[in-house]
PDB file of N, CA and C in Angstrom:
ATOM      1  N   MET A   1      -7.483 -12.410   3.420  1.00  0.00           N
ATOM      2  CA  MET A   1      -7.870 -11.168   4.047  1.00  0.00           C
ATOM      3  C   MET A   1      -8.384 -10.209   2.993  1.00  0.00           C
ATOM      4  N   ILE A   2      -9.386  -9.449   3.346  1.00  0.00           N
ATOM      5  CA  ILE A   2      -9.942  -8.424   2.459  1.00  0.00           C
ATOM      6  C   ILE A   2      -9.210  -7.107   2.705  1.00  0.00           C
ATOM      7  N   VAL A   3      -8.830  -6.450   1.621  1.00  0.00           N
ATOM      8  CA  VAL A   3      -8.257  -5.106   1.690  1.00  0.00           C
ATOM      9  C   VAL A   3      -9.109  -4.211   0.805  1.00  0.00           C
ATOM     10  N   ILE A   4      -9.476  -3.072   1.337  1.00  0.00           N
ATOM     11  CA  ILE A   4     -10.233  -2.088   0.567  1.00  0.00           C
ATOM     12  C   ILE A   4      -9.236  -1.054   0.051  1.00  0.00           C
ATOM     13  N   PHE A   5      -9.132  -0.973  -1.258  1.00  0.00           N
ATOM     14  CA  PHE A   5      -8.278   0.021  -1.904  1.00  0.00           C
ATOM     15  C   PHE A   5      -9.171   1.157  -2.381  1.00  0.00           C
ATOM     16  N   ILE A   6      -8.810   2.368  -2.069  1.00  0.00           N
ATOM     17  CA  ILE A   6      -9.518   3.534  -2.595  1.00  0.00           C
ATOM     18  C   ILE A   6      -8.596   4.163  -3.633  1.00  0.00           C
ATOM     19  N   GLU A   7      -9.004   4.048  -4.894  1.00  0.00           N
ATOM     20  CA  GLU A   7      -8.196   4.543  -5.999  1.00  0.00           C
ATOM     21  C   GLU A   7      -8.185   6.079  -5.995  1.00  0.00           C
ATOM     22  N   PRO A   8      -7.228   6.689  -6.702  1.00  0.00           N
ATOM     23  CA  PRO A   8      -7.132   8.155  -6.706  1.00  0.00           C
ATOM     24  C   PRO A   8      -8.433   8.869  -7.082  1.00  0.00           C
ATOM     25  N   GLY A   9      -9.221   8.282  -7.943  1.00  0.00           N
ATOM     26  CA  GLY A   9     -10.493   8.891  -8.350  1.00  0.00           C
ATOM     27  C   GLY A   9     -11.629   8.653  -7.377  1.00  0.00           C
ATOM     28  N   GLY A  10     -11.380   7.877  -6.310  1.00  0.00           N
ATOM     29  CA  GLY A  10     -12.398   7.633  -5.300  1.00  0.00           C
ATOM     30  C   GLY A  10     -13.081   6.280  -5.383  1.00  0.00           C
ATOM     31  N   THR A  11     -12.826   5.512  -6.436  1.00  0.00           N
ATOM     32  CA  THR A  11     -13.433   4.190  -6.561  1.00  0.00           C
ATOM     33  C   THR A  11     -12.908   3.266  -5.477  1.00  0.00           C
ATOM     34  N   ARG A  12     -13.815   2.565  -4.805  1.00  0.00           N
ATOM     35  CA  ARG A  12     -13.443   1.600  -3.755  1.00  0.00           C
ATOM     36  C   ARG A  12     -13.418   0.202  -4.371  1.00  0.00           C
ATOM     37  N   ARG A  13     -12.313  -0.500  -4.142  1.00  0.00           N
ATOM     38  CA  ARG A  13     -12.156  -1.871  -4.648  1.00  0.00           C
ATOM     39  C   ARG A  13     -11.841  -2.787  -3.482  1.00  0.00           C
ATOM     40  N   GLU A  14     -12.663  -3.791  -3.261  1.00  0.00           N
ATOM     41  CA  GLU A  14     -12.406  -4.788  -2.229  1.00  0.00           C
ATOM     42  C   GLU A  14     -11.700  -5.963  -2.883  1.00  0.00           C
ATOM     43  N   ILE A  15     -10.508  -6.267  -2.406  1.00  0.00           N
ATOM     44  CA  ILE A  15      -9.671  -7.308  -2.997  1.00  0.00           C
ATOM     45  C   ILE A  15      -9.326  -8.334  -1.925  1.00  0.00           C
ATOM     46  N   GLU A  16      -9.448  -9.596  -2.264  1.00  0.00           N
ATOM     47  CA  GLU A  16      -9.001 -10.678  -1.383  1.00  0.00           C
ATOM     48  C   GLU A  16      -7.497 -10.839  -1.605  1.00  0.00           C
ATOM     49  N   VAL A  17      -6.727 -10.625  -0.548  1.00  0.00           N
ATOM     50  CA  VAL A  17      -5.274 -10.717  -0.641  1.00  0.00           C
ATOM     51  C   VAL A  17      -4.846 -12.104  -0.167  1.00  0.00           C
ATOM     52  N   PRO A  18      -4.261 -12.916  -1.051  1.00  0.00           N
ATOM     53  CA  PRO A  18      -3.812 -14.248  -0.637  1.00  0.00           C
ATOM     54  C   PRO A  18      -2.754 -14.165   0.466  1.00  0.00           C
ATOM     55  N   GLU A  19      -2.741 -15.145   1.318  1.00  0.00           N
ATOM     56  CA  GLU A  19      -1.766 -15.194   2.409  1.00  0.00           C
ATOM     57  C   GLU A  19      -0.346 -15.141   1.847  1.00  0.00           C
ATOM     58  N   GLY A  20       0.486 -14.309   2.446  1.00  0.00           N
ATOM     59  CA  GLY A  20       1.873 -14.166   2.017  1.00  0.00           C
ATOM     60  C   GLY A  20       2.104 -13.100   0.968  1.00  0.00           C
ATOM     61  N   TRP A  21       1.032 -12.567   0.383  1.00  0.00           N
ATOM     62  CA  TRP A  21       1.160 -11.525  -0.633  1.00  0.00           C
ATOM     63  C   TRP A  21       1.234 -10.160   0.028  1.00  0.00           C
ATOM     64  N   THR A  22       1.889  -9.230  -0.648  1.00  0.00           N
ATOM     65  CA  THR A  22       1.895  -7.845  -0.195  1.00  0.00           C
ATOM     66  C   THR A  22       0.677  -7.136  -0.788  1.00  0.00           C
ATOM     67  N   LEU A  23       0.369  -5.980  -0.234  1.00  0.00           N
ATOM     68  CA  LEU A  23      -0.718  -5.176  -0.794  1.00  0.00           C
ATOM     69  C   LEU A  23      -0.409  -4.768  -2.224  1.00  0.00           C
ATOM     70  N   MET A  24       0.868  -4.473  -2.508  1.00  0.00           N
ATOM     71  CA  MET A  24       1.260  -4.096  -3.867  1.00  0.00           C
ATOM     72  C   MET A  24       0.988  -5.233  -4.849  1.00  0.00           C
ATOM     73  N   GLN A  25       1.345  -6.456  -4.472  1.00  0.00           N
ATOM     74  CA  GLN A  25       1.113  -7.597  -5.359  1.00  0.00           C
ATOM     75  C   GLN A  25      -0.372  -7.773  -5.641  1.00  0.00           C
ATOM     76  N   ALA A  26      -1.187  -7.673  -4.610  1.00  0.00           N
ATOM     77  CA  ALA A  26      -2.630  -7.841  -4.792  1.00  0.00           C
ATOM     78  C   ALA A  26      -3.204  -6.734  -5.664  1.00  0.00           C
ATOM     79  N   ALA A  27      -2.758  -5.503  -5.442  1.00  0.00           N
ATOM     80  CA  ALA A  27      -3.269  -4.376  -6.222  1.00  0.00           C
ATOM     81  C   ALA A  27      -2.895  -4.506  -7.696  1.00  0.00           C
ATOM     82  N   THR A  28      -1.641  -4.801  -7.973  1.00  0.00           N
ATOM     83  CA  THR A  28      -1.221  -4.892  -9.379  1.00  0.00           C
ATOM     84  C   THR A  28      -1.846  -6.096 -10.070  1.00  0.00           C
ATOM     85  N   ALA A  29      -2.007  -7.206  -9.361  1.00  0.00           N
ATOM     86  CA  ALA A  29      -2.617  -8.397  -9.954  1.00  0.00           C
ATOM     87  C   ALA A  29      -4.093  -8.187 -10.272  1.00  0.00           C
ATOM     88  N   ASN A  30      -4.719  -7.236  -9.592  1.00  0.00           N
ATOM     89  CA  ASN A  30      -6.150  -6.993  -9.778  1.00  0.00           C
ATOM     90  C   ASN A  30      -6.457  -5.682 -10.488  1.00  0.00           C
ATOM     91  N   GLY A  31      -5.439  -5.052 -11.060  1.00  0.00           N
ATOM     92  CA  GLY A  31      -5.651  -3.845 -11.852  1.00  0.00           C
ATOM     93  C   GLY A  31      -6.108  -2.631 -11.069  1.00  0.00           C
ATOM     94  N   VAL A  32      -5.741  -2.545  -9.800  1.00  0.00           N
ATOM     95  CA  VAL A  32      -6.082  -1.370  -9.000  1.00  0.00           C
ATOM     96  C   VAL A  32      -5.295  -0.173  -9.534  1.00  0.00           C
ATOM     97  N   GLU A  33      -5.993   0.923  -9.791  1.00  0.00           N
ATOM     98  CA  GLU A  33      -5.334   2.129 -10.308  1.00  0.00           C
ATOM     99  C   GLU A  33      -4.644   2.883  -9.175  1.00  0.00           C
ATOM    100  N   GLY A  34      -3.472   3.427  -9.481  1.00  0.00           N
ATOM    101  CA  GLY A  34      -2.804   4.289  -8.533  1.00  0.00           C
ATOM    102  C   GLY A  34      -1.507   3.742  -7.976  1.00  0.00           C
ATOM    103  N   ILE A  35      -1.139   2.525  -8.328  1.00  0.00           N
ATOM    104  CA  ILE A  35       0.145   1.963  -7.902  1.00  0.00           C
ATOM    105  C   ILE A  35       0.963   1.678  -9.151  1.00  0.00           C
ATOM    106  N   GLU A  36       2.150   2.273  -9.229  1.00  0.00           N
ATOM    107  CA  GLU A  36       3.025   2.047 -10.383  1.00  0.00           C
ATOM    108  C   GLU A  36       3.944   0.854 -10.150  1.00  0.00           C
ATOM    109  N   ALA A  37       4.496   0.725  -8.951  1.00  0.00           N
ATOM    110  CA  ALA A  37       5.346  -0.411  -8.586  1.00  0.00           C
ATOM    111  C   ALA A  37       6.511  -0.596  -9.554  1.00  0.00           C
ATOM    112  N   GLU A  38       7.220   0.479  -9.850  1.00  0.00           N
ATOM    113  CA  GLU A  38       8.314   0.438 -10.822  1.00  0.00           C
ATOM    114  C   GLU A  38       9.416  -0.543 -10.458  1.00  0.00           C
ATOM    115  N   CYS A  39       9.705  -0.723  -9.179  1.00  0.00           N
ATOM    116  CA  CYS A  39      10.800  -1.625  -8.790  1.00  0.00           C
ATOM    117  C   CYS A  39      10.322  -3.051  -8.549  1.00  0.00           C
ATOM    118  N   GLY A  40       9.034  -3.292  -8.723  1.00  0.00           N
ATOM    119  CA  GLY A  40       8.514  -4.649  -8.581  1.00  0.00           C
ATOM    120  C   GLY A  40       8.435  -5.155  -7.150  1.00  0.00           C
ATOM    121  N   GLY A  41       8.552  -4.287  -6.191  1.00  0.00           N
ATOM    122  CA  GLY A  41       8.395  -4.700  -4.805  1.00  0.00           C
ATOM    123  C   GLY A  41       9.673  -4.820  -4.015  1.00  0.00           C
ATOM    124  N   SER A  42      10.766  -4.275  -4.525  1.00  0.00           N
ATOM    125  CA  SER A  42      12.040  -4.403  -3.821  1.00  0.00           C
ATOM    126  C   SER A  42      12.343  -3.218  -2.902  1.00  0.00           C
ATOM    127  N   CYS A  43      11.347  -2.366  -2.665  1.00  0.00           N
ATOM    128  CA  CYS A  43      11.481  -1.211  -1.768  1.00  0.00           C
ATOM    129  C   CYS A  43      12.603  -0.284  -2.234  1.00  0.00           C
ATOM    130  N   ALA A  44      12.589   0.021  -3.544  1.00  0.00           N
ATOM    131  CA  ALA A  44      13.656   0.844  -4.109  1.00  0.00           C
ATOM    132  C   ALA A  44      13.146   2.030  -4.929  1.00  0.00           C
ATOM    133  N   CYS A  45      11.812   2.296  -4.914  1.00  0.00           N
ATOM    134  CA  CYS A  45      11.344   3.376  -5.785  1.00  0.00           C
ATOM    135  C   CYS A  45      10.248   4.256  -5.187  1.00  0.00           C
ATOM    136  N   ALA A  46       9.533   3.820  -4.204  1.00  0.00           N
ATOM    137  CA  ALA A  46       8.448   4.579  -3.555  1.00  0.00           C
ATOM    138  C   ALA A  46       7.259   4.843  -4.466  1.00  0.00           C
ATOM    139  N   THR A  47       7.074   4.047  -5.527  1.00  0.00           N
ATOM    140  CA  THR A  47       5.923   4.243  -6.416  1.00  0.00           C
ATOM    141  C   THR A  47       4.763   3.306  -6.084  1.00  0.00           C
ATOM    142  N   CYS A  48       4.750   2.801  -4.863  1.00  0.00           N
ATOM    143  CA  CYS A  48       3.606   2.027  -4.373  1.00  0.00           C
ATOM    144  C   CYS A  48       3.104   2.633  -3.059  1.00  0.00           C
ATOM    145  N   HIS A  49       3.358   3.924  -2.912  1.00  0.00           N
ATOM    146  CA  HIS A  49       2.967   4.685  -1.729  1.00  0.00           C
ATOM    147  C   HIS A  49       1.448   4.584  -1.520  1.00  0.00           C
ATOM    148  N   CYS A  50       1.052   4.427  -0.270  1.00  0.00           N
ATOM    149  CA  CYS A  50      -0.361   4.415   0.074  1.00  0.00           C
ATOM    150  C   CYS A  50      -0.553   5.033   1.449  1.00  0.00           C
ATOM    151  N   TYR A  51      -1.787   5.392   1.737  1.00  0.00           N
ATOM    152  CA  TYR A  51      -2.160   5.898   3.051  1.00  0.00           C
ATOM    153  C   TYR A  51      -3.038   4.839   3.710  1.00  0.00           C
ATOM    154  N   VAL A  52      -2.627   4.312   4.841  1.00  0.00           N
ATOM    155  CA  VAL A  52      -3.424   3.296   5.539  1.00  0.00           C
ATOM    156  C   VAL A  52      -4.492   4.026   6.342  1.00  0.00           C
ATOM    157  N   GLU A  53      -5.726   3.958   5.855  1.00  0.00           N
ATOM    158  CA  GLU A  53      -6.843   4.672   6.451  1.00  0.00           C
ATOM    159  C   GLU A  53      -7.458   3.905   7.622  1.00  0.00           C
ATOM    160  N   GLN A  54      -7.375   2.577   7.575  1.00  0.00           N
ATOM    161  CA  GLN A  54      -7.963   1.735   8.619  1.00  0.00           C
ATOM    162  C   GLN A  54      -7.056   0.536   8.824  1.00  0.00           C
ATOM    163  N   GLY A  55      -6.627   0.310  10.071  1.00  0.00           N
ATOM    164  CA  GLY A  55      -5.827  -0.856  10.388  1.00  0.00           C
ATOM    165  C   GLY A  55      -4.346  -0.585  10.589  1.00  0.00           C
ATOM    166  N   LEU A  56      -3.929   0.669  10.571  1.00  0.00           N
ATOM    167  CA  LEU A  56      -2.514   1.001  10.718  1.00  0.00           C
ATOM    168  C   LEU A  56      -1.930   0.439  12.013  1.00  0.00           C
ATOM    169  N   GLU A  57      -2.720   0.450  13.069  1.00  0.00           N
ATOM    170  CA  GLU A  57      -2.233  -0.030  14.369  1.00  0.00           C
ATOM    171  C   GLU A  57      -1.917  -1.525  14.367  1.00  0.00           C
ATOM    172  N   ARG A  58      -2.432  -2.268  13.404  1.00  0.00           N
ATOM    173  CA  ARG A  58      -2.177  -3.715  13.326  1.00  0.00           C
ATOM    174  C   ARG A  58      -0.939  -4.049  12.499  1.00  0.00           C
ATOM    175  N   LEU A  59      -0.322  -3.043  11.907  1.00  0.00           N
ATOM    176  CA  LEU A  59       0.843  -3.273  11.056  1.00  0.00           C
ATOM    177  C   LEU A  59       2.124  -2.936  11.806  1.00  0.00           C
ATOM    178  N   PRO A  60       3.199  -3.671  11.524  1.00  0.00           N
ATOM    179  CA  PRO A  60       4.478  -3.306  12.140  1.00  0.00           C
ATOM    180  C   PRO A  60       4.937  -1.960  11.592  1.00  0.00           C
ATOM    181  N   PRO A  61       5.721  -1.223  12.361  1.00  0.00           N
ATOM    182  CA  PRO A  61       6.214   0.068  11.867  1.00  0.00           C
ATOM    183  C   PRO A  61       7.170  -0.140  10.686  1.00  0.00           C
ATOM    184  N   PRO A  62       7.382   0.910   9.898  1.00  0.00           N
ATOM    185  CA  PRO A  62       8.308   0.785   8.763  1.00  0.00           C
ATOM    186  C   PRO A  62       9.713   0.432   9.251  1.00  0.00           C
ATOM    187  N   ASN A  63      10.375  -0.455   8.501  1.00  0.00           N
ATOM    188  CA  ASN A  63      11.777  -0.726   8.825  1.00  0.00           C
ATOM    189  C   ASN A  63      12.619   0.430   8.286  1.00  0.00           C
ATOM    190  N   GLU A  64      13.912   0.379   8.509  1.00  0.00           N
ATOM    191  CA  GLU A  64      14.803   1.477   8.129  1.00  0.00           C
ATOM    192  C   GLU A  64      14.766   1.766   6.625  1.00  0.00           C
ATOM    193  N   THR A  65      14.721   0.720   5.811  1.00  0.00           N
ATOM    194  CA  THR A  65      14.715   0.898   4.355  1.00  0.00           C
ATOM    195  C   THR A  65      13.424   1.565   3.899  1.00  0.00           C
ATOM    196  N   GLU A  66      12.285   1.075   4.407  1.00  0.00           N
ATOM    197  CA  GLU A  66      11.004   1.681   4.028  1.00  0.00           C
ATOM    198  C   GLU A  66      10.940   3.136   4.500  1.00  0.00           C
ATOM    199  N   ALA A  67      11.379   3.401   5.713  1.00  0.00           N
ATOM    200  CA  ALA A  67      11.362   4.771   6.233  1.00  0.00           C
ATOM    201  C   ALA A  67      12.180   5.700   5.339  1.00  0.00           C
ATOM    202  N   ALA A  68      13.323   5.225   4.871  1.00  0.00           N
ATOM    203  CA  ALA A  68      14.162   6.032   3.979  1.00  0.00           C
ATOM    204  C   ALA A  68      13.470   6.271   2.642  1.00  0.00           C
ATOM    205  N   MET A  69      12.813   5.247   2.098  1.00  0.00           N
ATOM    206  CA  MET A  69      12.126   5.399   0.815  1.00  0.00           C
ATOM    207  C   MET A  69      10.912   6.307   0.940  1.00  0.00           C
ATOM    208  N   LEU A  70      10.265   6.325   2.093  1.00  0.00           N
ATOM    209  CA  LEU A  70       9.113   7.208   2.289  1.00  0.00           C
ATOM    210  C   LEU A  70       9.505   8.678   2.199  1.00  0.00           C
ATOM    211  N   GLU A  71      10.785   8.971   2.343  1.00  0.00           N
ATOM    212  CA  GLU A  71      11.266  10.351   2.175  1.00  0.00           C
ATOM    213  C   GLU A  71      11.195  10.790   0.714  1.00  0.00           C
ATOM    214  N   ASN A  72      11.017   9.834  -0.213  1.00  0.00           N
ATOM    215  CA  ASN A  72      11.044  10.113  -1.647  1.00  0.00           C
ATOM    216  C   ASN A  72       9.693  10.027  -2.335  1.00  0.00           C
ATOM    217  N   VAL A  73       8.603   9.963  -1.584  1.00  0.00           N
ATOM    218  CA  VAL A  73       7.300   9.837  -2.227  1.00  0.00           C
ATOM    219  C   VAL A  73       6.946  11.111  -2.979  1.00  0.00           C
ATOM    220  N   ALA A  74       6.214  10.963  -4.084  1.00  0.00           N
ATOM    221  CA  ALA A  74       5.857  12.104  -4.923  1.00  0.00           C
ATOM    222  C   ALA A  74       4.681  12.893  -4.343  1.00  0.00           C
ATOM    223  N   ALA A  75       3.712  12.193  -3.774  1.00  0.00           N
ATOM    224  CA  ALA A  75       2.570  12.853  -3.137  1.00  0.00           C
ATOM    225  C   ALA A  75       2.947  13.167  -1.688  1.00  0.00           C
ATOM    226  N   GLU A  76       2.149  13.980  -1.052  1.00  0.00           N
ATOM    227  CA  GLU A  76       2.450  14.383   0.320  1.00  0.00           C
ATOM    228  C   GLU A  76       2.585  13.185   1.250  1.00  0.00           C
ATOM    229  N   ARG A  77       3.666  13.161   2.006  1.00  0.00           N
ATOM    230  CA  ARG A  77       3.837  12.124   3.029  1.00  0.00           C
ATOM    231  C   ARG A  77       2.998  12.511   4.240  1.00  0.00           C
ATOM    232  N   GLN A  78       2.276  11.543   4.767  1.00  0.00           N
ATOM    233  CA  GLN A  78       1.434  11.754   5.940  1.00  0.00           C
ATOM    234  C   GLN A  78       1.817  10.749   7.013  1.00  0.00           C
ATOM    235  N   PRO A  79       1.343  10.929   8.247  1.00  0.00           N
ATOM    236  CA  PRO A  79       1.691   9.983   9.320  1.00  0.00           C
ATOM    237  C   PRO A  79       1.283   8.535   9.013  1.00  0.00           C
ATOM    238  N   ASN A  80       0.270   8.350   8.179  1.00  0.00           N
ATOM    239  CA  ASN A  80      -0.186   7.003   7.829  1.00  0.00           C
ATOM    240  C   ASN A  80       0.358   6.528   6.478  1.00  0.00           C
ATOM    241  N   SER A  81       1.380   7.206   5.956  1.00  0.00           N
ATOM    242  CA  SER A  81       2.008   6.793   4.689  1.00  0.00           C
ATOM    243  C   SER A  81       2.806   5.513   4.880  1.00  0.00           C
ATOM    244  N   ARG A  82       2.651   4.606   3.934  1.00  0.00           N
ATOM    245  CA  ARG A  82       3.419   3.365   3.906  1.00  0.00           C
ATOM    246  C   ARG A  82       3.685   2.998   2.459  1.00  0.00           C
ATOM    247  N   LEU A  83       4.600   2.054   2.250  1.00  0.00           N
ATOM    248  CA  LEU A  83       4.830   1.489   0.923  1.00  0.00           C
ATOM    249  C   LEU A  83       4.118   0.153   0.883  1.00  0.00           C
ATOM    250  N   SER A  84       3.210   0.006  -0.064  1.00  0.00           N
ATOM    251  CA  SER A  84       2.386  -1.204  -0.107  1.00  0.00           C
ATOM    252  C   SER A  84       3.197  -2.458  -0.402  1.00  0.00           C
ATOM    253  N   CYS A  85       4.406  -2.315  -0.948  1.00  0.00           N
ATOM    254  CA  CYS A  85       5.251  -3.490  -1.206  1.00  0.00           C
ATOM    255  C   CYS A  85       5.794  -4.083   0.090  1.00  0.00           C
ATOM    256  N   GLN A  86       5.685  -3.345   1.175  1.00  0.00           N
ATOM    257  CA  GLN A  86       6.214  -3.797   2.458  1.00  0.00           C
ATOM    258  C   GLN A  86       5.121  -4.281   3.410  1.00  0.00           C
ATOM    259  N   LEU A  87       3.877  -4.281   2.958  1.00  0.00           N
ATOM    260  CA  LEU A  87       2.762  -4.621   3.831  1.00  0.00           C
ATOM    261  C   LEU A  87       2.146  -5.961   3.467  1.00  0.00           C
ATOM    262  N   LYS A  88       2.293  -6.923   4.369  1.00  0.00           N
ATOM    263  CA  LYS A  88       1.664  -8.236   4.224  1.00  0.00           C
ATOM    264  C   LYS A  88       0.628  -8.363   5.329  1.00  0.00           C
ATOM    265  N   PRO A  89      -0.657  -8.285   4.973  1.00  0.00           N
ATOM    266  CA  PRO A  89      -1.687  -8.350   6.006  1.00  0.00           C
ATOM    267  C   PRO A  89      -1.798  -9.748   6.616  1.00  0.00           C
ATOM    268  N   ASP A  90      -2.229  -9.796   7.873  1.00  0.00           N
ATOM    269  CA  ASP A  90      -2.445 -11.062   8.562  1.00  0.00           C
ATOM    270  C   ASP A  90      -3.768 -11.668   8.127  1.00  0.00           C
ATOM    271  N   ALA A  91      -3.737 -12.953   7.829  1.00  0.00           N
ATOM    272  CA  ALA A  91      -4.962 -13.662   7.464  1.00  0.00           C
ATOM    273  C   ALA A  91      -5.918 -13.639   8.651  1.00  0.00           C
ATOM    274  N   GLY A  92      -7.184 -13.466   8.383  1.00  0.00           N
ATOM    275  CA  GLY A  92      -8.200 -13.505   9.413  1.00  0.00           C
ATOM    276  C   GLY A  92      -8.391 -12.215  10.175  1.00  0.00           C
ATOM    277  N   ALA A  93      -7.534 -11.237   9.972  1.00  0.00           N
ATOM    278  CA  ALA A  93      -7.689  -9.963  10.675  1.00  0.00           C
ATOM    279  C   ALA A  93      -8.799  -9.149  10.007  1.00  0.00           C
ATOM    280  N   ALA A  94      -9.259  -8.131  10.700  1.00  0.00           N
ATOM    281  CA  ALA A  94     -10.268  -7.238  10.135  1.00  0.00           C
ATOM    282  C   ALA A  94      -9.700  -6.585   8.876  1.00  0.00           C
ATOM    283  N   PRO A  95     -10.558  -6.197   7.946  1.00  0.00           N
ATOM    284  CA  PRO A  95     -10.073  -5.605   6.697  1.00  0.00           C
ATOM    285  C   PRO A  95      -9.223  -4.360   6.918  1.00  0.00           C
ATOM    286  N   LEU A  96      -8.234  -4.213   6.059  1.00  0.00           N
ATOM    287  CA  LEU A  96      -7.459  -2.975   5.991  1.00  0.00           C
ATOM    288  C   LEU A  96      -8.104  -2.087   4.935  1.00  0.00           C
ATOM    289  N   CYS A  97      -7.931  -0.796   5.078  1.00  0.00           N
ATOM    290  CA  CYS A  97      -8.382   0.142   4.060  1.00  0.00           C
ATOM    291  C   CYS A  97      -7.219   1.057   3.733  1.00  0.00           C
ATOM    292  N   VAL A  98      -6.848   1.120   2.466  1.00  0.00           N
ATOM    293  CA  VAL A  98      -5.754   1.989   2.037  1.00  0.00           C
ATOM    294  C   VAL A  98      -6.230   2.901   0.909  1.00  0.00           C
ATOM    295  N   ARG A  99      -5.802   4.140   0.978  1.00  0.00           N
ATOM    296  CA  ARG A  99      -6.114   5.129  -0.049  1.00  0.00           C
ATOM    297  C   ARG A  99      -4.848   5.378  -0.849  1.00  0.00           C
ATOM    298  N   LEU A 100      -4.992   5.434  -2.153  1.00  0.00           N
ATOM    299  CA  LEU A 100      -3.844   5.669  -3.029  1.00  0.00           C
ATOM    300  C   LEU A 100      -3.773   7.144  -3.402  1.00  0.00           C
ATOM    301  N   PRO A 101      -2.557   7.710  -3.374  1.00  0.00           N
ATOM    302  CA  PRO A 101      -2.415   9.142  -3.666  1.00  0.00           C
ATOM    303  C   PRO A 101      -2.678   9.445  -5.132  1.00  0.00           C
ATOM    304  N   TRP A 102      -2.826  10.726  -5.408  1.00  0.00           N
ATOM    305  CA  TRP A 102      -3.142  11.160  -6.773  1.00  0.00           C
ATOM    306  C   TRP A 102      -1.989  10.985  -7.733  1.00  0.00           C
ATOM    307  N   ARG A 103      -0.764  10.817  -7.206  1.00  0.00           N
ATOM    308  CA  ARG A 103       0.373  10.538  -8.099  1.00  0.00           C
ATOM    309  C   ARG A 103       1.445   9.749  -7.340  1.00  0.00           C
ATOM    310  N   GLN A 104       2.212   8.994  -8.112  1.00  0.00           N
ATOM    311  CA  GLN A 104       3.289   8.169  -7.550  1.00  0.00           C
ATOM    312  C   GLN A 104       4.667   8.642  -8.005  1.00  0.00           C
ATOM    313  N   SER A 105       4.727   9.257  -9.166  1.00  0.00           N
ATOM    314  CA  SER A 105       6.029   9.710  -9.674  1.00  0.00           C
ATOM    315  C   SER A 105       5.883  11.066 -10.330  1.00  0.00           C
TER     316      SER A 105
END
């Protein structure tokens, strides 16, 4: 699946996300700017915060742990805020587009 990441400076990066990978894994593996991922994807730090600009309706809602961690994001929390470590896109679905905030910590 293709995911479009919009880095804090506005650069758009189209990344092919392998099946089973999270958005955080794909972003860090491809050097996308704007994700710190301090906890390595264990949903314990909120430094992989993103705004889902396109495709939010195709994602499951945040579970209790993610919802609690979203209370700790450094940039403004918005209705489309998610933690990229918790998002595994479906193969074959239309591309997702996520914007990364100007700061994570």
